[in-house]
PDB file of N, CA and C in Angstrom:
ATOM      1  N   MET A   1     -40.142  47.254  83.535  1.00  0.00           N
ATOM      2  CA  MET A   1     -39.716  46.761  82.235  1.00  0.00           C
ATOM      3  C   MET A   1     -40.912  46.064  81.577  1.00  0.00           C
ATOM      4  N   THR A   2     -41.135  46.401  80.326  1.00  0.00           N
ATOM      5  CA  THR A   2     -42.261  45.800  79.609  1.00  0.00           C
ATOM      6  C   THR A   2     -41.953  44.344  79.273  1.00  0.00           C
ATOM      7  N   ALA A   3     -43.001  43.604  78.949  1.00  0.00           N
ATOM      8  CA  ALA A   3     -42.842  42.198  78.582  1.00  0.00           C
ATOM      9  C   ALA A   3     -41.993  42.056  77.326  1.00  0.00           C
ATOM     10  N   VAL A   4     -42.192  42.951  76.375  1.00  0.00           N
ATOM     11  CA  VAL A   4     -41.419  42.903  75.131  1.00  0.00           C
ATOM     12  C   VAL A   4     -39.938  43.131  75.439  1.00  0.00           C
ATOM     13  N   LYS A   5     -39.633  44.149  76.226  1.00  0.00           N
ATOM     14  CA  LYS A   5     -38.236  44.441  76.556  1.00  0.00           C
ATOM     15  C   LYS A   5     -37.614  43.273  77.308  1.00  0.00           C
ATOM     16  N   ARG A   6     -38.373  42.667  78.220  1.00  0.00           N
ATOM     17  CA  ARG A   6     -37.875  41.515  78.967  1.00  0.00           C
ATOM     18  C   ARG A   6     -37.490  40.376  78.021  1.00  0.00           C
ATOM     19  N   ARG A   7     -38.343  40.133  77.017  1.00  0.00           N
ATOM     20  CA  ARG A   7     -38.052  39.068  76.051  1.00  0.00           C
ATOM     21  C   ARG A   7     -36.805  39.386  75.236  1.00  0.00           C
ATOM     22  N   VAL A   8     -36.649  40.633  74.834  1.00  0.00           N
ATOM     23  CA  VAL A   8     -35.469  41.019  74.055  1.00  0.00           C
ATOM     24  C   VAL A   8     -34.210  40.907  74.919  1.00  0.00           C
ATOM     25  N   VAL A   9     -34.292  41.317  76.173  1.00  0.00           N
ATOM     26  CA  VAL A   9     -33.149  41.201  77.088  1.00  0.00           C
ATOM     27  C   VAL A   9     -32.762  39.732  77.260  1.00  0.00           C
ATOM     28  N   GLU A  10     -33.746  38.874  77.416  1.00  0.00           N
ATOM     29  CA  GLU A  10     -33.479  37.438  77.575  1.00  0.00           C
ATOM     30  C   GLU A  10     -32.878  36.853  76.293  1.00  0.00           C
ATOM     31  N   GLU A  11     -33.447  37.220  75.160  1.00  0.00           N
ATOM     32  CA  GLU A  11     -32.934  36.744  73.876  1.00  0.00           C
ATOM     33  C   GLU A  11     -31.491  37.184  73.673  1.00  0.00           C
ATOM     34  N   ARG A  12     -31.202  38.447  74.018  1.00  0.00           N
ATOM     35  CA  ARG A  12     -29.846  38.969  73.877  1.00  0.00           C
ATOM     36  C   ARG A  12     -28.880  38.209  74.773  1.00  0.00           C
ATOM     37  N   SER A  13     -29.294  37.951  75.991  1.00  0.00           N
ATOM     38  CA  SER A  13     -28.446  37.239  76.940  1.00  0.00           C
ATOM     39  C   SER A  13     -28.116  35.831  76.434  1.00  0.00           C
ATOM     40  N   GLU A  14     -29.119  35.132  75.940  1.00  0.00           N
ATOM     41  CA  GLU A  14     -28.910  33.783  75.415  1.00  0.00           C
ATOM     42  C   GLU A  14     -28.001  33.809  74.187  1.00  0.00           C
ATOM     43  N   LEU A  15     -28.240  34.756  73.300  1.00  0.00           N
ATOM     44  CA  LEU A  15     -27.420  34.878  72.092  1.00  0.00           C
ATOM     45  C   LEU A  15     -25.979  35.204  72.456  1.00  0.00           C
ATOM     46  N   HIS A  16     -25.787  36.112  73.390  1.00  0.00           N
ATOM     47  CA  HIS A  16     -24.446  36.503  73.824  1.00  0.00           C
ATOM     48  C   HIS A  16     -23.686  35.287  74.360  1.00  0.00           C
ATOM     49  N   ALA A  17     -24.352  34.465  75.160  1.00  0.00           N
ATOM     50  CA  ALA A  17     -23.716  33.270  75.711  1.00  0.00           C
ATOM     51  C   ALA A  17     -23.349  32.282  74.599  1.00  0.00           C
ATOM     52  N   ARG A  18     -24.265  32.063  73.682  1.00  0.00           N
ATOM     53  CA  ARG A  18     -23.997  31.129  72.585  1.00  0.00           C
ATOM     54  C   ARG A  18     -22.870  31.635  71.686  1.00  0.00           C
ATOM     55  N   LEU A  19     -22.877  32.920  71.421  1.00  0.00           N
ATOM     56  CA  LEU A  19     -21.831  33.497  70.588  1.00  0.00           C
ATOM     57  C   LEU A  19     -20.476  33.387  71.277  1.00  0.00           C
ATOM     58  N   GLY A  20     -20.447  33.607  72.566  1.00  0.00           N
ATOM     59  CA  GLY A  20     -19.191  33.458  73.318  1.00  0.00           C
ATOM     60  C   GLY A  20     -18.645  32.047  73.227  1.00  0.00           C
ATOM     61  N   LYS A  21     -19.521  31.065  73.334  1.00  0.00           N
ATOM     62  CA  LYS A  21     -19.094  29.666  73.227  1.00  0.00           C
ATOM     63  C   LYS A  21     -18.593  29.359  71.823  1.00  0.00           C
ATOM     64  N   LEU A  22     -19.286  29.869  70.810  1.00  0.00           N
ATOM     65  CA  LEU A  22     -18.864  29.620  69.436  1.00  0.00           C
ATOM     66  C   LEU A  22     -17.523  30.284  69.170  1.00  0.00           C
ATOM     67  N   ARG A  23     -17.366  31.524  69.600  1.00  0.00           N
ATOM     68  CA  ARG A  23     -16.092  32.223  69.386  1.00  0.00           C
ATOM     69  C   ARG A  23     -14.948  31.517  70.103  1.00  0.00           C
ATOM     70  N   ALA A  24     -15.220  30.956  71.271  1.00  0.00           N
ATOM     71  CA  ALA A  24     -14.192  30.214  72.008  1.00  0.00           C
ATOM     72  C   ALA A  24     -13.796  28.944  71.256  1.00  0.00           C
ATOM     73  N   PHE A  25     -14.736  28.364  70.533  1.00  0.00           N
ATOM     74  CA  PHE A  25     -14.490  27.135  69.774  1.00  0.00           C
ATOM     75  C   PHE A  25     -13.668  27.404  68.515  1.00  0.00           C
ATOM     76  N   LEU A  26     -13.886  28.553  67.902  1.00  0.00           N
ATOM     77  CA  LEU A  26     -13.171  28.870  66.670  1.00  0.00           C
ATOM     78  C   LEU A  26     -11.668  28.905  66.934  1.00  0.00           C
ATOM     79  N   GLY A  27     -10.912  28.244  66.106  1.00  0.00           N
ATOM     80  CA  GLY A  27      -9.466  28.231  66.248  1.00  0.00           C
ATOM     81  C   GLY A  27      -8.924  27.141  67.154  1.00  0.00           C
ATOM     82  N   THR A  28      -9.800  26.393  67.820  1.00  0.00           N
ATOM     83  CA  THR A  28      -9.335  25.300  68.674  1.00  0.00           C
ATOM     84  C   THR A  28      -8.952  24.094  67.818  1.00  0.00           C
ATOM     85  N   ALA A  29      -8.295  23.141  68.423  1.00  0.00           N
ATOM     86  CA  ALA A  29      -7.902  21.922  67.697  1.00  0.00           C
ATOM     87  C   ALA A  29      -9.111  21.203  67.093  1.00  0.00           C
ATOM     88  N   PRO A  30     -10.200  21.006  67.847  1.00  0.00           N
ATOM     89  CA  PRO A  30     -11.365  20.348  67.226  1.00  0.00           C
ATOM     90  C   PRO A  30     -11.927  21.140  66.041  1.00  0.00           C
ATOM     91  N   PHE A  31     -11.910  22.463  66.137  1.00  0.00           N
ATOM     92  CA  PHE A  31     -12.375  23.291  65.026  1.00  0.00           C
ATOM     93  C   PHE A  31     -11.483  23.079  63.807  1.00  0.00           C
ATOM     94  N   LEU A  32     -10.179  23.061  64.020  1.00  0.00           N
ATOM     95  CA  LEU A  32      -9.239  22.922  62.915  1.00  0.00           C
ATOM     96  C   LEU A  32      -9.304  21.545  62.260  1.00  0.00           C
ATOM     97  N   LYS A  33      -9.872  20.572  62.943  1.00  0.00           N
ATOM     98  CA  LYS A  33     -10.040  19.231  62.367  1.00  0.00           C
ATOM     99  C   LYS A  33     -11.254  19.156  61.441  1.00  0.00           C
ATOM    100  N   LEU A  34     -12.121  20.148  61.505  1.00  0.00           N
ATOM    101  CA  LEU A  34     -13.300  20.172  60.634  1.00  0.00           C
ATOM    102  C   LEU A  34     -12.883  20.455  59.198  1.00  0.00           C
ATOM    103  N   ASP A  35     -13.703  20.020  58.269  1.00  0.00           N
ATOM    104  CA  ASP A  35     -13.472  20.338  56.868  1.00  0.00           C
ATOM    105  C   ASP A  35     -13.528  21.859  56.685  1.00  0.00           C
ATOM    106  N   PRO A  36     -12.727  22.396  55.766  1.00  0.00           N
ATOM    107  CA  PRO A  36     -12.733  23.847  55.541  1.00  0.00           C
ATOM    108  C   PRO A  36     -14.125  24.440  55.271  1.00  0.00           C
ATOM    109  N   PRO A  37     -15.005  23.769  54.506  1.00  0.00           N
ATOM    110  CA  PRO A  37     -16.339  24.361  54.331  1.00  0.00           C
ATOM    111  C   PRO A  37     -17.099  24.502  55.657  1.00  0.00           C
ATOM    112  N   GLN A  38     -16.947  23.527  56.542  1.00  0.00           N
ATOM    113  CA  GLN A  38     -17.598  23.615  57.861  1.00  0.00           C
ATOM    114  C   GLN A  38     -16.999  24.763  58.676  1.00  0.00           C
ATOM    115  N   GLN A  39     -15.682  24.913  58.595  1.00  0.00           N
ATOM    116  CA  GLN A  39     -15.031  26.013  59.307  1.00  0.00           C
ATOM    117  C   GLN A  39     -15.554  27.361  58.820  1.00  0.00           C
ATOM    118  N   ARG A  40     -15.634  27.508  57.507  1.00  0.00           N
ATOM    119  CA  ARG A  40     -16.122  28.781  56.945  1.00  0.00           C
ATOM    120  C   ARG A  40     -17.565  29.050  57.366  1.00  0.00           C
ATOM    121  N   LEU A  41     -18.382  27.997  57.380  1.00  0.00           N
ATOM    122  CA  LEU A  41     -19.778  28.186  57.786  1.00  0.00           C
ATOM    123  C   LEU A  41     -19.892  28.588  59.250  1.00  0.00           C
ATOM    124  N   LEU A  42     -19.086  27.983  60.102  1.00  0.00           N
ATOM    125  CA  LEU A  42     -19.113  28.360  61.520  1.00  0.00           C
ATOM    126  C   LEU A  42     -18.619  29.794  61.722  1.00  0.00           C
ATOM    127  N   GLU A  43     -17.613  30.187  60.951  1.00  0.00           N
ATOM    128  CA  GLU A  43     -17.137  31.575  61.029  1.00  0.00           C
ATOM    129  C   GLU A  43     -18.216  32.545  60.546  1.00  0.00           C
ATOM    130  N   ALA A  44     -18.914  32.172  59.482  1.00  0.00           N
ATOM    131  CA  ALA A  44     -20.011  33.006  58.980  1.00  0.00           C
ATOM    132  C   ALA A  44     -21.138  33.069  60.002  1.00  0.00           C
ATOM    133  N   GLN A  45     -21.399  31.939  60.648  1.00  0.00           N
ATOM    134  CA  GLN A  45     -22.438  31.901  61.675  1.00  0.00           C
ATOM    135  C   GLN A  45     -22.078  32.840  62.821  1.00  0.00           C
ATOM    136  N   ALA A  46     -20.821  32.818  63.254  1.00  0.00           N
ATOM    137  CA  ALA A  46     -20.386  33.700  64.346  1.00  0.00           C
ATOM    138  C   ALA A  46     -20.545  35.160  63.937  1.00  0.00           C
ATOM    139  N   HIS A  47     -20.183  35.471  62.706  1.00  0.00           N
ATOM    140  CA  HIS A  47     -20.328  36.850  62.226  1.00  0.00           C
ATOM    141  C   HIS A  47     -21.803  37.270  62.239  1.00  0.00           C
ATOM    142  N   THR A  48     -22.653  36.407  61.727  1.00  0.00           N
ATOM    143  CA  THR A  48     -24.082  36.723  61.655  1.00  0.00           C
ATOM    144  C   THR A  48     -24.687  36.853  63.054  1.00  0.00           C
ATOM    145  N   MET A  49     -24.262  35.998  63.956  1.00  0.00           N
ATOM    146  CA  MET A  49     -24.743  36.102  65.334  1.00  0.00           C
ATOM    147  C   MET A  49     -24.303  37.432  65.950  1.00  0.00           C
ATOM    148  N   GLY A  50     -23.092  37.872  65.619  1.00  0.00           N
ATOM    149  CA  GLY A  50     -22.608  39.166  66.106  1.00  0.00           C
ATOM    150  C   GLY A  50     -23.458  40.312  65.578  1.00  0.00           C
ATOM    151  N   GLU A  51     -23.834  40.230  64.303  1.00  0.00           N
ATOM    152  CA  GLU A  51     -24.701  41.262  63.716  1.00  0.00           C
ATOM    153  C   GLU A  51     -26.078  41.240  64.385  1.00  0.00           C
ATOM    154  N   TYR A  52     -26.593  40.059  64.634  1.00  0.00           N
ATOM    155  CA  TYR A  52     -27.887  39.905  65.302  1.00  0.00           C
ATOM    156  C   TYR A  52     -27.821  40.521  66.702  1.00  0.00           C
ATOM    157  N   LEU A  53     -26.711  40.298  67.393  1.00  0.00           N
ATOM    158  CA  LEU A  53     -26.531  40.870  68.729  1.00  0.00           C
ATOM    159  C   LEU A  53     -26.563  42.396  68.664  1.00  0.00           C
ATOM    160  N   LYS A  54     -25.915  42.971  67.639  1.00  0.00           N
ATOM    161  CA  LYS A  54     -25.937  44.423  67.471  1.00  0.00           C
ATOM    162  C   LYS A  54     -27.360  44.938  67.253  1.00  0.00           C
ATOM    163  N   ILE A  55     -28.142  44.200  66.483  1.00  0.00           N
ATOM    164  CA  ILE A  55     -29.535  44.595  66.225  1.00  0.00           C
ATOM    165  C   ILE A  55     -30.334  44.571  67.525  1.00  0.00           C
ATOM    166  N   LEU A  56     -30.139  43.521  68.321  1.00  0.00           N
ATOM    167  CA  LEU A  56     -30.856  43.460  69.603  1.00  0.00           C
ATOM    168  C   LEU A  56     -30.434  44.619  70.501  1.00  0.00           C
ATOM    169  N   ASP A  57     -29.145  44.964  70.495  1.00  0.00           N
ATOM    170  CA  ASP A  57     -28.671  46.112  71.284  1.00  0.00           C
ATOM    171  C   ASP A  57     -29.338  47.402  70.822  1.00  0.00           C
ATOM    172  N   GLN A  58     -29.471  47.574  69.500  1.00  0.00           N
ATOM    173  CA  GLN A  58     -30.117  48.763  68.981  1.00  0.00           C
ATOM    174  C   GLN A  58     -31.590  48.806  69.383  1.00  0.00           C
ATOM    175  N   ARG A  59     -32.254  47.663  69.305  1.00  0.00           N
ATOM    176  CA  ARG A  59     -33.653  47.611  69.723  1.00  0.00           C
ATOM    177  C   ARG A  59     -33.801  48.003  71.183  1.00  0.00           C
ATOM    178  N   LEU A  60     -32.899  47.476  72.019  1.00  0.00           N
ATOM    179  CA  LEU A  60     -32.972  47.811  73.449  1.00  0.00           C
ATOM    180  C   LEU A  60     -32.704  49.291  73.685  1.00  0.00           C
ATOM    181  N   ALA A  61     -31.783  49.858  72.933  1.00  0.00           N
ATOM    182  CA  ALA A  61     -31.486  51.294  73.079  1.00  0.00           C
ATOM    183  C   ALA A  61     -32.710  52.120  72.745  1.00  0.00           C
ATOM    184  N   LEU A  62     -33.480  51.697  71.762  1.00  0.00           N
ATOM    185  CA  LEU A  62     -34.684  52.422  71.390  1.00  0.00           C
ATOM    186  C   LEU A  62     -35.791  52.278  72.435  1.00  0.00           C
ATOM    187  N   MET A  63     -35.687  51.270  73.265  1.00  0.00           N
ATOM    188  CA  MET A  63     -36.698  51.049  74.312  1.00  0.00           C
ATOM    189  C   MET A  63     -36.394  51.818  75.585  1.00  0.00           C
ATOM    190  N   GLU A  64     -35.224  52.473  75.633  1.00  0.00           N
ATOM    191  CA  GLU A  64     -34.856  53.253  76.831  1.00  0.00           C
ATOM    192  C   GLU A  64     -35.733  54.463  76.976  1.00  0.00           C
TER     193      GLU A  64
END
């Protein structure tokens, strides 16, 4: 595995873990106590992180 691919794999793994934690937080009682603008921003952040994850997956597929 090349150094570049290793870095992308590591980045993807870290992003996947963070996204999982954020998605688990969405809809919880502490999340619902946040102001609606904060809730919308966190939901947008989760969506964007999901798109970023897809891009990393595509990059890795091209490295196969």
